[in-house]
Amino acid sequence: MFHPAYKGSVRSMIKTIIVEDQELIRKSLKVVLESISDISIIGMADNGKEAIDLCEKENPEIVLMDIQMPEMDGVKATEEIKKRLPHIKVIILSTFQDINHVKNALNAGAEGYILKAVDPQFLVTGIQMVYHGGSLIPQELAKEVFQFFRTSEEKDILDQSPVVNIYELNKQELKILKYLAQGISNKAISEKMFLSLGTVKNYISNIYSKLDVKNRSSAIMKAIDEKIIKEK
């Protein structure tokens, strides 16, 4: 479901805040995450406005952000946090019913999204991956996002029109971009394309630069939104 967990030298505690309007979920996440990982929950908020204030006060490294909350939802809060504190990384907590909201949150700058019902160890793996510069798009949800766009009102237009390539991506870059949208890891892409991992990473950096995005999630959303790629 996810790329392999980060492996390397001993890590410092990952400073994280939880933004969730249901108190039971907030407290449960805190207990579970701190008991099985190197993640330190340094604060909790029950709406987007509190999340922004908490981020400015505590300067966390990771924010676990619910989508639907009172006062200010997760999409608006993510956008504001990214404007004020762009170094803070946001992971959206969602359900399958929130695809449109998730799309907007990723466009707002979130590094990824994850289902609330996921196994806690997968959540830990995802947080560690985002902390170390990766992005978090479970393959099952990536497919759901693709399906959402394919069944939209633009379906007929997408089927009849050629892929748009105003960003001058070459064939290799377009191929890699499509693999990214399918939730395939960098390592798996390198194996599929018979390229070194370093070469794949260089292609991905070029893709980000040409699309003017900063992470995998934003690249995927832009690629689908602007019809740079589409399902066969």
Protein backbone atom coordinates (compact mmCIF):
# COMPACT_ATOMS: atom_id res chain seq x y z
CA MET A 1 0.00 0.00 0.00
CA PHE A 2 2.79 2.38 0.87
CA HIS A 3 6.40 2.69 -0.14
CA PRO A 4 8.84 1.04 2.29
CA ALA A 5 9.37 2.84 5.56
CA TYR A 6 12.34 5.14 5.76
CA LYS A 7 15.48 3.34 6.90
CA GLY A 8 18.60 5.06 8.06
CA SER A 9 20.35 6.43 11.12
CA VAL A 10 18.62 7.09 14.43
CA ARG A 11 16.00 9.80 13.98
CA SER A 12 14.96 12.59 16.30
CA MET A 13 11.34 12.84 17.41
CA ILE A 14 8.99 14.05 14.68
CA LYS A 15 7.07 17.03 16.07
CA THR A 16 3.44 16.57 15.03
CA ILE A 17 0.07 18.16 15.73
CA ILE A 18 -3.32 16.53 15.25
CA VAL A 19 -6.24 18.56 13.90
CA GLU A 20 -9.52 16.68 14.32
CA ASP A 21 -12.90 17.83 15.61
CA GLN A 22 -13.72 14.51 17.30
CA GLU A 23 -12.03 14.38 20.69
CA LEU A 24 -11.97 10.59 20.89
CA ILE A 25 -10.12 10.31 17.57
CA ARG A 26 -7.64 13.03 18.58
CA LYS A 27 -6.78 11.36 21.86
CA SER A 28 -6.67 7.87 20.35
CA LEU A 29 -4.29 8.97 17.59
CA LYS A 30 -2.00 10.63 20.12
CA VAL A 31 -1.82 7.55 22.34
CA VAL A 32 -1.29 5.13 19.47
CA LEU A 33 1.28 7.18 17.55
CA GLU A 34 3.41 7.98 20.58
CA SER A 35 3.34 4.39 21.78
CA ILE A 36 4.61 2.78 18.57
CA SER A 37 6.84 5.39 16.94
CA ASP A 38 9.30 8.27 17.16
CA ILE A 39 6.43 10.74 16.67
CA SER A 40 5.83 13.35 19.37
CA ILE A 41 2.37 14.95 19.48
CA ILE A 42 3.14 18.50 20.59
CA GLY A 43 -0.40 19.85 20.27
CA MET A 44 -3.97 19.17 19.18
CA ALA A 45 -6.71 21.34 17.67
CA ASP A 46 -10.37 20.74 16.84
CA ASN A 47 -10.74 23.15 13.90
CA GLY A 48 -8.76 24.88 11.19
CA LYS A 49 -8.46 28.23 12.92
CA GLU A 50 -6.99 26.63 16.03
CA ALA A 51 -4.64 24.65 13.80
CA ILE A 52 -3.20 27.80 12.24
CA ASP A 53 -2.65 29.42 15.64
CA LEU A 54 -1.09 26.22 16.99
CA CYS A 55 1.27 25.95 14.02
CA GLU A 56 2.48 29.51 14.54
CA LYS A 57 2.99 28.87 18.24
CA GLU A 58 4.54 25.39 18.20
CA ASN A 59 6.12 25.20 14.71
CA PRO A 60 5.47 21.47 14.14
CA GLU A 61 7.11 19.45 11.38
CA ILE A 62 3.97 17.49 10.47
CA VAL A 63 0.26 18.32 10.69
CA LEU A 64 -2.36 15.56 10.55
CA MET A 65 -5.34 17.50 9.19
CA ASP A 66 -8.96 16.40 9.13
CA ILE A 67 -11.01 17.67 6.18
CA GLN A 68 -14.46 18.44 7.56
CA MET A 69 -14.40 20.57 10.73
CA PRO A 70 -16.31 23.51 12.23
CA GLU A 71 -15.01 27.09 12.15
CA MET A 72 -12.58 26.38 9.28
CA ASP A 73 -12.23 23.18 7.27
CA GLY A 74 -9.02 21.34 6.51
CA VAL A 75 -8.70 22.66 2.96
CA LYS A 76 -8.74 26.33 3.97
CA ALA A 77 -6.51 25.65 6.97
CA THR A 78 -3.97 23.82 4.81
CA GLU A 79 -3.87 26.68 2.32
CA GLU A 80 -3.34 29.25 5.07
CA ILE A 81 -0.66 27.21 6.85
CA LYS A 82 1.22 26.77 3.59
CA LYS A 83 1.08 30.54 2.96
CA ARG A 84 2.38 31.43 6.42
CA LEU A 85 4.61 28.45 7.20
CA PRO A 86 5.42 26.63 3.95
CA HIS A 87 8.02 24.37 5.60
CA ILE A 88 5.33 22.63 7.66
CA LYS A 89 4.14 19.43 5.98
CA VAL A 90 0.45 18.56 5.97
CA ILE A 91 -1.11 15.10 5.71
CA ILE A 92 -4.85 15.06 5.12
CA LEU A 93 -7.02 12.61 7.07
CA SER A 94 -9.93 11.55 4.88
CA THR A 95 -12.52 8.99 3.81
CA PHE A 96 -13.40 7.75 0.32
CA GLN A 97 -16.37 10.11 0.28
CA ASP A 98 -14.09 13.17 0.46
CA ILE A 99 -12.35 12.86 -2.92
CA ASN A 100 -13.23 16.35 -4.11
CA HIS A 101 -12.15 17.91 -0.83
CA VAL A 102 -8.93 15.90 -0.88
CA LYS A 103 -8.17 17.14 -4.40
CA ASN A 104 -8.59 20.72 -3.22
CA ALA A 105 -6.41 20.13 -0.17
CA LEU A 106 -3.60 18.67 -2.27
CA ASN A 107 -3.84 21.63 -4.60
CA ALA A 108 -3.58 23.83 -1.50
CA GLY A 109 -0.19 22.27 -0.80
CA ALA A 110 -0.73 19.18 1.35
CA GLU A 111 1.96 16.52 0.99
CA GLY A 112 -0.50 13.68 0.96
CA TYR A 113 -3.61 12.07 2.33
CA ILE A 114 -4.54 8.95 4.20
CA LEU A 115 -7.70 7.18 5.31
CA LYS A 116 -8.70 7.54 8.95
CA ALA A 117 -9.35 3.80 9.17
CA VAL A 118 -5.82 2.85 8.10
CA ASP A 119 -3.71 0.56 10.27
CA PRO A 120 -1.72 2.72 12.74
CA GLN A 121 1.61 1.31 11.56
CA PHE A 122 0.85 2.42 7.99
CA LEU A 123 0.08 5.89 9.33
CA VAL A 124 3.43 5.94 11.12
CA THR A 125 5.17 4.85 7.92
CA GLY A 126 3.38 7.59 5.99
CA ILE A 127 4.31 10.30 8.50
CA GLN A 128 7.96 9.21 8.44
CA MET A 129 7.98 9.20 4.65
CA VAL A 130 6.52 12.71 4.39
CA TYR A 131 8.90 13.94 7.12
CA HIS A 132 11.82 12.76 5.01
CA GLY A 133 10.60 14.51 1.87
CA GLY A 134 8.26 12.00 0.31
CA SER A 135 4.57 12.27 -0.46
CA LEU A 136 1.75 10.04 0.66
CA ILE A 137 -0.78 8.75 -1.86
CA PRO A 138 -2.04 5.21 -1.16
CA GLN A 139 -2.55 3.47 -4.50
CA GLU A 140 -6.20 2.68 -3.77
CA LEU A 141 -7.03 6.33 -3.24
CA ALA A 142 -4.99 7.43 -6.24
CA LYS A 143 -7.25 5.20 -8.33
CA GLU A 144 -10.31 6.76 -6.69
CA VAL A 145 -9.09 10.23 -7.62
CA PHE A 146 -8.53 9.13 -11.21
CA GLN A 147 -12.01 7.61 -11.32
CA PHE A 148 -13.51 10.81 -9.92
CA PHE A 149 -12.14 12.80 -12.83
CA ARG A 150 -12.97 10.16 -15.40
CA THR A 151 -16.63 10.20 -14.38
CA SER A 152 -16.87 13.98 -14.29
CA GLU A 153 -18.74 16.11 -16.81
CA GLU A 154 -15.54 16.43 -18.85
CA LYS A 155 -15.33 12.71 -19.56
CA ASP A 156 -16.32 12.97 -23.23
CA ILE A 157 -13.90 15.83 -23.82
CA LEU A 158 -11.09 13.90 -22.20
CA ASP A 159 -11.81 10.85 -24.31
CA GLN A 160 -11.82 12.77 -27.58
CA SER A 161 -9.01 15.28 -27.06
CA PRO A 162 -5.25 14.65 -27.13
CA VAL A 163 -3.10 14.90 -24.01
CA VAL A 164 -2.20 18.52 -23.27
CA ASN A 165 1.54 19.12 -22.99
CA ILE A 166 1.96 22.87 -22.62
CA TYR A 167 4.70 22.26 -20.05
CA GLU A 168 6.97 20.63 -22.65
CA LEU A 169 7.41 17.37 -20.78
CA ASN A 170 9.35 14.82 -22.82
CA LYS A 171 8.15 11.24 -23.35
CA GLN A 172 10.07 9.86 -20.37
CA GLU A 173 8.76 12.58 -18.08
CA LEU A 174 5.17 12.01 -19.21
CA LYS A 175 5.55 8.29 -18.61
CA ILE A 176 6.97 8.84 -15.14
CA LEU A 177 4.25 11.37 -14.34
CA LYS A 178 1.61 8.79 -15.19
CA TYR A 179 3.34 6.23 -12.96
CA LEU A 180 3.34 8.79 -10.15
CA ALA A 181 -0.41 9.26 -10.60
CA GLN A 182 -0.87 5.51 -10.26
CA GLY A 183 0.77 5.63 -6.82
CA ILE A 184 3.88 3.73 -7.93
CA SER A 185 7.03 4.23 -5.86
CA ASN A 186 10.24 5.70 -7.29
CA LYS A 187 11.96 2.35 -6.90
CA ALA A 188 9.21 0.52 -8.78
CA ILE A 189 9.32 3.14 -11.55
CA SER A 190 13.06 2.62 -11.90
CA GLU A 191 12.50 -1.12 -12.28
CA LYS A 192 9.68 -0.71 -14.80
CA MET A 193 11.68 1.74 -16.95
CA PHE A 194 15.08 0.08 -16.50
CA LEU A 195 16.54 3.31 -15.12
CA SER A 196 18.62 3.94 -12.03
CA LEU A 197 16.83 5.33 -8.99
CA GLY A 198 18.94 8.48 -9.25
CA THR A 199 17.87 9.01 -12.87
CA VAL A 200 14.20 8.62 -11.92
CA LYS A 201 14.62 11.17 -9.13
CA ASN A 202 16.23 13.59 -11.59
CA TYR A 203 13.30 13.16 -13.99
CA ILE A 204 10.87 13.79 -11.13
CA SER A 205 12.74 16.95 -10.14
CA ASN A 206 12.48 18.14 -13.75
CA ILE A 207 8.76 17.38 -13.75
CA TYR A 208 8.24 19.40 -10.57
CA SER A 209 10.20 22.30 -12.04
CA LYS A 210 8.28 22.32 -15.34
CA LEU A 211 4.89 22.04 -13.61
CA ASP A 212 5.90 24.59 -10.96
CA VAL A 213 4.95 22.31 -8.07
CA LYS A 214 6.82 21.20 -4.99
CA ASN A 215 5.68 17.65 -4.35
CA ARG A 216 4.21 14.51 -5.85
CA SER A 217 0.67 15.19 -4.71
CA SER A 218 0.53 18.63 -6.33
CA ALA A 219 2.09 17.27 -9.53
CA ILE A 220 -0.55 14.55 -9.79
CA MET A 221 -3.44 16.91 -9.14
CA LYS A 222 -2.14 19.41 -11.71
CA ALA A 223 -1.53 16.69 -14.27
CA ILE A 224 -5.07 15.37 -13.98
CA ASP A 225 -6.74 18.76 -13.57
CA GLU A 226 -5.08 20.19 -16.68
CA LYS A 227 -5.40 16.94 -18.69
CA ILE A 228 -1.64 16.48 -19.03
CA ILE A 229 -2.24 12.79 -18.47
CA LYS A 230 -5.31 10.57 -18.65
CA GLU A 231 -6.17 6.93 -18.23
CA LYS A 232 -5.98 4.72 -21.26
